[in-house]
Amino acid sequence: MALMQAENLLQQVNRKTLILKDVNLTIDRGDVLVIIGPTGAGKTTLIRLLDLLDYPSGGRIVFDGVDVTRSRGRRLAARRRIAYVQQKPIVFSMNVHDNVACGLRFRHQKTQIVREKVKSALDLVGLAGYEKRDARTLSGGETQRVAIARALVTDPELLLLDEPTANLDPVSTSKIEEVLADIIRSGRTTLLMSTHDMKQGQRLARRVGVLMNGELVQVGPKDEIFERPNGKVAGFLGVKT
């Protein structure tokens, strides 16, 4: 069953520059979809639209069967069921525990439940024992893992990640990929991630979408994309057809 659908999605600036052009995308429950494409292809724009942070210039977005394109109330209700990890996450001026607990406190969860869920989330991302650390002193990779824990602690139905390893060293990248692989194996959420790293897409995805110049030029099982790409995608992947 489709959890989210983007239909004929269009995004432009100044009524002239098209960033996304007629994007159609279905995300099923339990899906692990990785959007790959070169820098500037529109990946961040697409994820911000799917997170309902921005309004599209055209088309519509349907979440769990409800059109959430324009209704502010419906968008807010849907966003409570979605979590978004940015490429450069922001940590607040507080310790790691309180950073991760923010979403739960906004939801007025009881203190004991908050404590248990934060511990579980930090265990999952390999940061057990970091609860009292000042979040501002963490490395880039640790900060990204705190952001993932903060996203997971609210048990989102859809987890969106925008280039989560783009600014990290190889060791930190490997640790983040291990965390994401564990999340995928657990089946605890539907996941959509963007990356310009094709090998990372191959390692993590079940399905792959290729975004080029604002157009989603091919979507399918990862084996199909990497072994039988269409003409445009073959050129991007460097595959002879």
C-alpha atoms as a PDB file:
ATOM      1  CA  MET A   1       0.000   0.000   0.000  1.00  0.00           C
ATOM      2  CA  ALA A   2       1.306   3.447  -0.897  1.00  0.00           C
ATOM      3  CA  LEU A   3       2.389   5.529   2.087  1.00  0.00           C
ATOM      4  CA  MET A   4       3.245   8.606   0.006  1.00  0.00           C
ATOM      5  CA  GLN A   5       2.714   9.590  -3.607  1.00  0.00           C
ATOM      6  CA  ALA A   6       4.059  12.546  -5.542  1.00  0.00           C
ATOM      7  CA  GLU A   7       2.036  13.264  -8.656  1.00  0.00           C
ATOM      8  CA  ASN A   8       3.289  15.552 -11.437  1.00  0.00           C
ATOM      9  CA  LEU A   9       5.358  17.441  -8.891  1.00  0.00           C
ATOM     10  CA  LEU A  10       6.774  20.749 -10.085  1.00  0.00           C
ATOM     11  CA  GLN A  11       8.986  23.241  -8.278  1.00  0.00           C
ATOM     12  CA  GLN A  12      10.296  26.503  -9.663  1.00  0.00           C
ATOM     13  CA  VAL A  13      11.758  29.779  -8.424  1.00  0.00           C
ATOM     14  CA  ASN A  14      10.987  33.253  -9.718  1.00  0.00           C
ATOM     15  CA  ARG A  15       8.396  31.657 -12.028  1.00  0.00           C
ATOM     16  CA  LYS A  16      11.233  30.979 -14.458  1.00  0.00           C
ATOM     17  CA  THR A  17      13.757  28.463 -13.135  1.00  0.00           C
ATOM     18  CA  LEU A  18      12.480  24.894 -12.947  1.00  0.00           C
ATOM     19  CA  ILE A  19      14.086  22.848 -10.174  1.00  0.00           C
ATOM     20  CA  LEU A  20      11.794  19.817 -10.417  1.00  0.00           C
ATOM     21  CA  LYS A  21       9.845  18.847 -13.522  1.00  0.00           C
ATOM     22  CA  ASP A  22       6.807  16.549 -13.491  1.00  0.00           C
ATOM     23  CA  VAL A  23       8.096  14.165 -10.808  1.00  0.00           C
ATOM     24  CA  ASN A  24       5.955  11.084 -10.178  1.00  0.00           C
ATOM     25  CA  LEU A  25       6.948   8.835  -7.307  1.00  0.00           C
ATOM     26  CA  THR A  26       5.255   6.217  -5.117  1.00  0.00           C
ATOM     27  CA  ILE A  27       6.689   5.168  -1.760  1.00  0.00           C
ATOM     28  CA  ASP A  28       5.165   1.986  -0.359  1.00  0.00           C
ATOM     29  CA  ARG A  29       5.118   1.058   3.305  1.00  0.00           C
ATOM     30  CA  GLY A  30       8.352  -0.713   4.191  1.00  0.00           C
ATOM     31  CA  ASP A  31      10.097   0.659   1.112  1.00  0.00           C
ATOM     32  CA  VAL A  32      13.823   1.464   1.120  1.00  0.00           C
ATOM     33  CA  LEU A  33      14.195   3.929  -1.726  1.00  0.00           C
ATOM     34  CA  VAL A  34      17.423   5.752  -2.531  1.00  0.00           C
ATOM     35  CA  ILE A  35      17.388   8.768  -4.844  1.00  0.00           C
ATOM     36  CA  ILE A  36      20.714   9.160  -6.630  1.00  0.00           C
ATOM     37  CA  GLY A  37      21.850  11.920  -8.915  1.00  0.00           C
ATOM     38  CA  PRO A  38      24.579  14.494  -9.421  1.00  0.00           C
ATOM     39  CA  THR A  39      24.959  17.587  -7.257  1.00  0.00           C
ATOM     40  CA  GLY A  40      22.340  20.160  -8.232  1.00  0.00           C
ATOM     41  CA  ALA A  41      19.895  17.590  -9.620  1.00  0.00           C
ATOM     42  CA  GLY A  42      17.146  18.664  -7.195  1.00  0.00           C
ATOM     43  CA  LYS A  43      17.450  15.941  -4.550  1.00  0.00           C
ATOM     44  CA  THR A  44      17.232  18.282  -1.551  1.00  0.00           C
ATOM     45  CA  THR A  45      14.327  20.151  -3.118  1.00  0.00           C
ATOM     46  CA  LEU A  46      12.443  16.882  -3.595  1.00  0.00           C
ATOM     47  CA  ILE A  47      13.032  15.726  -0.024  1.00  0.00           C
ATOM     48  CA  ARG A  48      11.942  19.078   1.424  1.00  0.00           C
ATOM     49  CA  LEU A  49       8.721  18.805  -0.584  1.00  0.00           C
ATOM     50  CA  LEU A  50       8.130  15.243   0.614  1.00  0.00           C
ATOM     51  CA  ASP A  51       8.774  16.362   4.202  1.00  0.00           C
ATOM     52  CA  LEU A  52       6.081  19.000   3.622  1.00  0.00           C
ATOM     53  CA  LEU A  53       8.432  21.827   4.560  1.00  0.00           C
ATOM     54  CA  ASP A  54       7.882  23.580   1.218  1.00  0.00           C
ATOM     55  CA  TYR A  55       4.851  23.909  -1.014  1.00  0.00           C
ATOM     56  CA  PRO A  56       5.202  22.694  -4.610  1.00  0.00           C
ATOM     57  CA  SER A  57       4.623  25.025  -7.554  1.00  0.00           C
ATOM     58  CA  GLY A  58       2.466  22.338  -9.167  1.00  0.00           C
ATOM     59  CA  GLY A  59       1.244  18.780  -8.758  1.00  0.00           C
ATOM     60  CA  ARG A  60       0.170  17.180  -5.524  1.00  0.00           C
ATOM     61  CA  ILE A  61       1.396  15.065  -2.615  1.00  0.00           C
ATOM     62  CA  VAL A  62      -0.735  12.332  -1.064  1.00  0.00           C
ATOM     63  CA  PHE A  63       0.185  10.879   2.333  1.00  0.00           C
ATOM     64  CA  ASP A  64      -1.553   7.700   3.491  1.00  0.00           C
ATOM     65  CA  GLY A  65      -4.399   8.327   1.056  1.00  0.00           C
ATOM     66  CA  VAL A  66      -4.925  11.985   2.035  1.00  0.00           C
ATOM     67  CA  ASP A  67      -4.080  14.916  -0.246  1.00  0.00           C
ATOM     68  CA  VAL A  68      -1.766  17.083   1.866  1.00  0.00           C
ATOM     69  CA  THR A  69      -0.592  19.433  -0.865  1.00  0.00           C
ATOM     70  CA  ARG A  70      -2.244  22.658   0.301  1.00  0.00           C
ATOM     71  CA  SER A  71      -4.096  22.073   3.564  1.00  0.00           C
ATOM     72  CA  ARG A  72      -2.024  23.419   6.462  1.00  0.00           C
ATOM     73  CA  GLY A  73      -3.844  21.241   8.996  1.00  0.00           C
ATOM     74  CA  ARG A  74      -3.381  18.062   6.977  1.00  0.00           C
ATOM     75  CA  ARG A  75       0.278  18.886   6.387  1.00  0.00           C
ATOM     76  CA  LEU A  76       0.927  19.359  10.109  1.00  0.00           C
ATOM     77  CA  ALA A  77      -0.822  16.088  10.935  1.00  0.00           C
ATOM     78  CA  ALA A  78       1.241  14.229   8.316  1.00  0.00           C
ATOM     79  CA  ARG A  79       4.510  15.822   9.401  1.00  0.00           C
ATOM     80  CA  ARG A  80       4.063  14.339  12.882  1.00  0.00           C
ATOM     81  CA  ARG A  81       4.376  10.941  11.191  1.00  0.00           C
ATOM     82  CA  ILE A  82       7.508  11.855   9.198  1.00  0.00           C
ATOM     83  CA  ALA A  83      11.096  12.499  10.310  1.00  0.00           C
ATOM     84  CA  TYR A  84      13.769  14.323   8.331  1.00  0.00           C
ATOM     85  CA  VAL A  85      17.554  14.192   8.766  1.00  0.00           C
ATOM     86  CA  GLN A  86      19.300  17.036   6.987  1.00  0.00           C
ATOM     87  CA  GLN A  87      22.665  16.888   5.280  1.00  0.00           C
ATOM     88  CA  LYS A  88      24.071  19.282   7.891  1.00  0.00           C
ATOM     89  CA  PRO A  89      22.007  18.650  11.018  1.00  0.00           C
ATOM     90  CA  ILE A  90      21.676  21.208  13.762  1.00  0.00           C
ATOM     91  CA  VAL A  91      22.227  20.229  17.383  1.00  0.00           C
ATOM     92  CA  PHE A  92      20.867  22.352  20.184  1.00  0.00           C
ATOM     93  CA  SER A  93      22.910  23.864  23.003  1.00  0.00           C
ATOM     94  CA  MET A  94      22.209  21.010  25.415  1.00  0.00           C
ATOM     95  CA  ASN A  95      23.398  17.514  26.122  1.00  0.00           C
ATOM     96  CA  VAL A  96      22.899  14.551  23.796  1.00  0.00           C
ATOM     97  CA  HIS A  97      19.988  13.100  25.786  1.00  0.00           C
ATOM     98  CA  ASP A  98      18.024  16.348  25.641  1.00  0.00           C
ATOM     99  CA  ASN A  99      18.764  16.787  21.929  1.00  0.00           C
ATOM    100  CA  VAL A 100      17.343  13.363  21.163  1.00  0.00           C
ATOM    101  CA  ALA A 101      14.393  13.855  23.519  1.00  0.00           C
ATOM    102  CA  CYS A 102      13.129  17.073  21.887  1.00  0.00           C
ATOM    103  CA  GLY A 103      10.480  15.476  19.681  1.00  0.00           C
ATOM    104  CA  LEU A 104       9.116  13.401  22.535  1.00  0.00           C
ATOM    105  CA  ARG A 105       8.833  16.408  24.817  1.00  0.00           C
ATOM    106  CA  PHE A 106       6.986  18.335  22.120  1.00  0.00           C
ATOM    107  CA  ARG A 107       4.542  15.415  22.196  1.00  0.00           C
ATOM    108  CA  HIS A 108       4.292  15.650  26.019  1.00  0.00           C
ATOM    109  CA  GLN A 109       5.532  12.110  26.626  1.00  0.00           C
ATOM    110  CA  LYS A 110       6.046  11.027  30.227  1.00  0.00           C
ATOM    111  CA  THR A 111       9.568  11.305  31.653  1.00  0.00           C
ATOM    112  CA  GLN A 112      10.087   7.554  32.027  1.00  0.00           C
ATOM    113  CA  ILE A 113       8.966   6.893  28.449  1.00  0.00           C
ATOM    114  CA  VAL A 114      11.282   9.641  27.194  1.00  0.00           C
ATOM    115  CA  ARG A 115      14.218   8.138  29.076  1.00  0.00           C
ATOM    116  CA  GLU A 116      13.567   4.647  27.740  1.00  0.00           C
ATOM    117  CA  LYS A 117      13.062   5.728  24.142  1.00  0.00           C
ATOM    118  CA  VAL A 118      16.144   7.962  24.122  1.00  0.00           C
ATOM    119  CA  LYS A 119      18.260   5.119  25.513  1.00  0.00           C
ATOM    120  CA  SER A 120      16.933   2.742  22.855  1.00  0.00           C
ATOM    121  CA  ALA A 121      17.585   5.237  20.053  1.00  0.00           C
ATOM    122  CA  LEU A 122      21.131   5.961  21.234  1.00  0.00           C
ATOM    123  CA  ASP A 123      21.833   2.234  21.536  1.00  0.00           C
ATOM    124  CA  LEU A 124      20.672   1.772  17.950  1.00  0.00           C
ATOM    125  CA  VAL A 125      23.029   4.446  16.575  1.00  0.00           C
ATOM    126  CA  GLY A 126      26.000   3.310  18.657  1.00  0.00           C
ATOM    127  CA  LEU A 127      26.042   6.228  21.091  1.00  0.00           C
ATOM    128  CA  ALA A 128      25.149   4.491  24.346  1.00  0.00           C
ATOM    129  CA  GLY A 129      26.782   6.372  27.221  1.00  0.00           C
ATOM    130  CA  TYR A 130      26.789   9.702  25.384  1.00  0.00           C
ATOM    131  CA  GLU A 131      23.662  11.013  27.156  1.00  0.00           C
ATOM    132  CA  LYS A 132      25.456  13.670  29.224  1.00  0.00           C
ATOM    133  CA  ARG A 133      27.901  14.813  26.536  1.00  0.00           C
ATOM    134  CA  ASP A 134      27.555  18.374  25.264  1.00  0.00           C
ATOM    135  CA  ALA A 135      26.165  17.855  21.739  1.00  0.00           C
ATOM    136  CA  ARG A 136      28.202  20.783  20.412  1.00  0.00           C
ATOM    137  CA  THR A 137      31.470  18.941  21.166  1.00  0.00           C
ATOM    138  CA  LEU A 138      30.682  15.922  18.982  1.00  0.00           C
ATOM    139  CA  SER A 139      32.407  15.034  15.732  1.00  0.00           C
ATOM    140  CA  GLY A 140      30.570  15.337  12.433  1.00  0.00           C
ATOM    141  CA  GLY A 141      29.779  11.629  12.329  1.00  0.00           C
ATOM    142  CA  GLU A 142      28.582  11.593  15.942  1.00  0.00           C
ATOM    143  CA  THR A 143      26.412  14.641  15.280  1.00  0.00           C
ATOM    144  CA  GLN A 144      24.815  12.885  12.332  1.00  0.00           C
ATOM    145  CA  ARG A 145      24.096   9.843  14.474  1.00  0.00           C
ATOM    146  CA  VAL A 146      22.480  12.060  17.123  1.00  0.00           C
ATOM    147  CA  ALA A 147      20.295  13.531  14.368  1.00  0.00           C
ATOM    148  CA  ILE A 148      19.268  10.033  13.252  1.00  0.00           C
ATOM    149  CA  ALA A 149      18.482   9.040  16.844  1.00  0.00           C
ATOM    150  CA  ARG A 150      16.430  12.230  17.268  1.00  0.00           C
ATOM    151  CA  ALA A 151      14.486  11.311  14.130  1.00  0.00           C
ATOM    152  CA  LEU A 152      13.908   7.677  15.122  1.00  0.00           C
ATOM    153  CA  VAL A 153      12.875   8.318  18.713  1.00  0.00           C
ATOM    154  CA  THR A 154       9.401   9.476  17.623  1.00  0.00           C
ATOM    155  CA  ASP A 155       8.826   6.202  15.702  1.00  0.00           C
ATOM    156  CA  PRO A 156       8.175   7.882  12.332  1.00  0.00           C
ATOM    157  CA  GLU A 157       6.332   6.025   9.618  1.00  0.00           C
ATOM    158  CA  LEU A 158       8.578   7.654   7.016  1.00  0.00           C
ATOM    159  CA  LEU A 159      12.234   8.558   7.549  1.00  0.00           C
ATOM    160  CA  LEU A 160      13.776  10.980   5.044  1.00  0.00           C
ATOM    161  CA  LEU A 161      17.552  11.460   4.880  1.00  0.00           C
ATOM    162  CA  ASP A 162      19.243  14.018   2.662  1.00  0.00           C
ATOM    163  CA  GLU A 163      22.810  12.988   1.752  1.00  0.00           C
ATOM    164  CA  PRO A 164      23.491  11.837   5.348  1.00  0.00           C
ATOM    165  CA  THR A 165      27.190  11.094   4.732  1.00  0.00           C
ATOM    166  CA  ALA A 166      28.056  13.853   2.254  1.00  0.00           C
ATOM    167  CA  ASN A 167      30.340  15.776   4.611  1.00  0.00           C
ATOM    168  CA  LEU A 168      31.844  12.870   6.529  1.00  0.00           C
ATOM    169  CA  ASP A 169      35.162  11.034   6.427  1.00  0.00           C
ATOM    170  CA  PRO A 170      35.247   7.373   5.299  1.00  0.00           C
ATOM    171  CA  VAL A 171      35.235   5.967   8.850  1.00  0.00           C
ATOM    172  CA  SER A 172      32.229   8.064   9.882  1.00  0.00           C
ATOM    173  CA  THR A 173      30.486   7.228   6.607  1.00  0.00           C
ATOM    174  CA  SER A 174      30.941   3.523   7.268  1.00  0.00           C
ATOM    175  CA  LYS A 175      29.445   3.876  10.761  1.00  0.00           C
ATOM    176  CA  ILE A 176      26.415   5.772   9.433  1.00  0.00           C
ATOM    177  CA  GLU A 177      25.870   3.109   6.778  1.00  0.00           C
ATOM    178  CA  GLU A 178      25.993   0.423   9.486  1.00  0.00           C
ATOM    179  CA  VAL A 179      23.336   2.330  11.445  1.00  0.00           C
ATOM    180  CA  LEU A 180      21.129   2.673   8.368  1.00  0.00           C
ATOM    181  CA  ALA A 181      21.594  -1.004   7.502  1.00  0.00           C
ATOM    182  CA  ASP A 182      20.433  -1.923  11.028  1.00  0.00           C
ATOM    183  CA  ILE A 183      17.369   0.320  10.673  1.00  0.00           C
ATOM    184  CA  ILE A 184      16.559  -1.287   7.323  1.00  0.00           C
ATOM    185  CA  ARG A 185      16.970  -4.815   8.720  1.00  0.00           C
ATOM    186  CA  SER A 186      14.712  -3.996  11.661  1.00  0.00           C
ATOM    187  CA  GLY A 187      11.907  -2.948   9.317  1.00  0.00           C
ATOM    188  CA  ARG A 188      10.895  -0.275  11.811  1.00  0.00           C
ATOM    189  CA  THR A 189      10.183   2.445   9.252  1.00  0.00           C
ATOM    190  CA  THR A 190       9.851   3.293   5.573  1.00  0.00           C
ATOM    191  CA  LEU A 191      13.041   4.965   4.393  1.00  0.00           C
ATOM    192  CA  LEU A 192      13.850   7.383   1.594  1.00  0.00           C
ATOM    193  CA  MET A 193      17.400   8.679   1.255  1.00  0.00           C
ATOM    194  CA  SER A 194      19.213  10.824  -1.263  1.00  0.00           C
ATOM    195  CA  THR A 195      22.881  10.450  -2.167  1.00  0.00           C
ATOM    196  CA  HIS A 196      25.281  11.297  -4.971  1.00  0.00           C
ATOM    197  CA  ASP A 197      27.295   8.180  -4.032  1.00  0.00           C
ATOM    198  CA  MET A 198      26.152   5.451  -6.423  1.00  0.00           C
ATOM    199  CA  LYS A 199      27.947   2.685  -4.520  1.00  0.00           C
ATOM    200  CA  GLN A 200      26.212   3.733  -1.331  1.00  0.00           C
ATOM    201  CA  GLY A 201      22.907   3.527  -3.176  1.00  0.00           C
ATOM    202  CA  GLN A 202      23.741   0.000  -4.297  1.00  0.00           C
ATOM    203  CA  ARG A 203      24.655  -1.052  -0.764  1.00  0.00           C
ATOM    204  CA  LEU A 204      21.561   0.268   1.002  1.00  0.00           C
ATOM    205  CA  ALA A 205      18.649   0.475  -1.434  1.00  0.00           C
ATOM    206  CA  ARG A 206      15.935  -1.938  -2.388  1.00  0.00           C
ATOM    207  CA  ARG A 207      14.694   0.497  -5.029  1.00  0.00           C
ATOM    208  CA  VAL A 208      16.566   3.326  -6.711  1.00  0.00           C
ATOM    209  CA  GLY A 209      15.338   6.494  -8.362  1.00  0.00           C
ATOM    210  CA  VAL A 210      17.656   8.523 -10.583  1.00  0.00           C
ATOM    211  CA  LEU A 211      17.117  12.291 -10.551  1.00  0.00           C
ATOM    212  CA  MET A 212      18.850  14.323 -13.256  1.00  0.00           C
ATOM    213  CA  ASN A 213      18.292  17.994 -14.048  1.00  0.00           C
ATOM    214  CA  GLY A 214      15.131  17.984 -11.960  1.00  0.00           C
ATOM    215  CA  GLU A 215      13.614  14.970 -13.729  1.00  0.00           C
ATOM    216  CA  LEU A 216      13.125  11.515 -12.262  1.00  0.00           C
ATOM    217  CA  VAL A 217      14.391   9.618 -15.276  1.00  0.00           C
ATOM    218  CA  GLN A 218      14.166   6.040 -13.964  1.00  0.00           C
ATOM    219  CA  VAL A 219      12.832   4.272 -10.859  1.00  0.00           C
ATOM    220  CA  GLY A 220      12.995   0.562 -10.137  1.00  0.00           C
ATOM    221  CA  PRO A 221      14.642  -2.274  -8.188  1.00  0.00           C
ATOM    222  CA  LYS A 222      18.309  -1.515  -7.682  1.00  0.00           C
ATOM    223  CA  ASP A 223      19.445  -4.452  -9.841  1.00  0.00           C
ATOM    224  CA  GLU A 224      17.358  -3.144 -12.717  1.00  0.00           C
ATOM    225  CA  ILE A 225      18.774   0.379 -12.401  1.00  0.00           C
ATOM    226  CA  PHE A 226      22.414  -0.665 -12.213  1.00  0.00           C
ATOM    227  CA  GLU A 227      22.277  -3.594 -14.627  1.00  0.00           C
ATOM    228  CA  ARG A 228      19.689  -2.367 -17.165  1.00  0.00           C
ATOM    229  CA  PRO A 229      19.685   1.433 -17.012  1.00  0.00           C
ATOM    230  CA  ASN A 230      17.925   3.432 -19.674  1.00  0.00           C
ATOM    231  CA  GLY A 231      19.910   5.673 -22.002  1.00  0.00           C
ATOM    232  CA  LYS A 232      20.123   8.781 -19.806  1.00  0.00           C
ATOM    233  CA  VAL A 233      20.889   6.815 -16.675  1.00  0.00           C
ATOM    234  CA  ALA A 234      23.523   4.669 -18.410  1.00  0.00           C
ATOM    235  CA  GLY A 235      25.455   7.803 -19.264  1.00  0.00           C
ATOM    236  CA  PHE A 236      25.327   8.996 -15.642  1.00  0.00           C
ATOM    237  CA  LEU A 237      26.361   5.596 -14.308  1.00  0.00           C
ATOM    238  CA  GLY A 238      29.084   5.159 -16.899  1.00  0.00           C
ATOM    239  CA  VAL A 239      27.515   1.926 -18.154  1.00  0.00           C
ATOM    240  CA  LYS A 240      27.686   0.864 -21.793  1.00  0.00           C
ATOM    241  CA  THR A 241      24.346  -0.204 -23.268  1.00  0.00           C
END
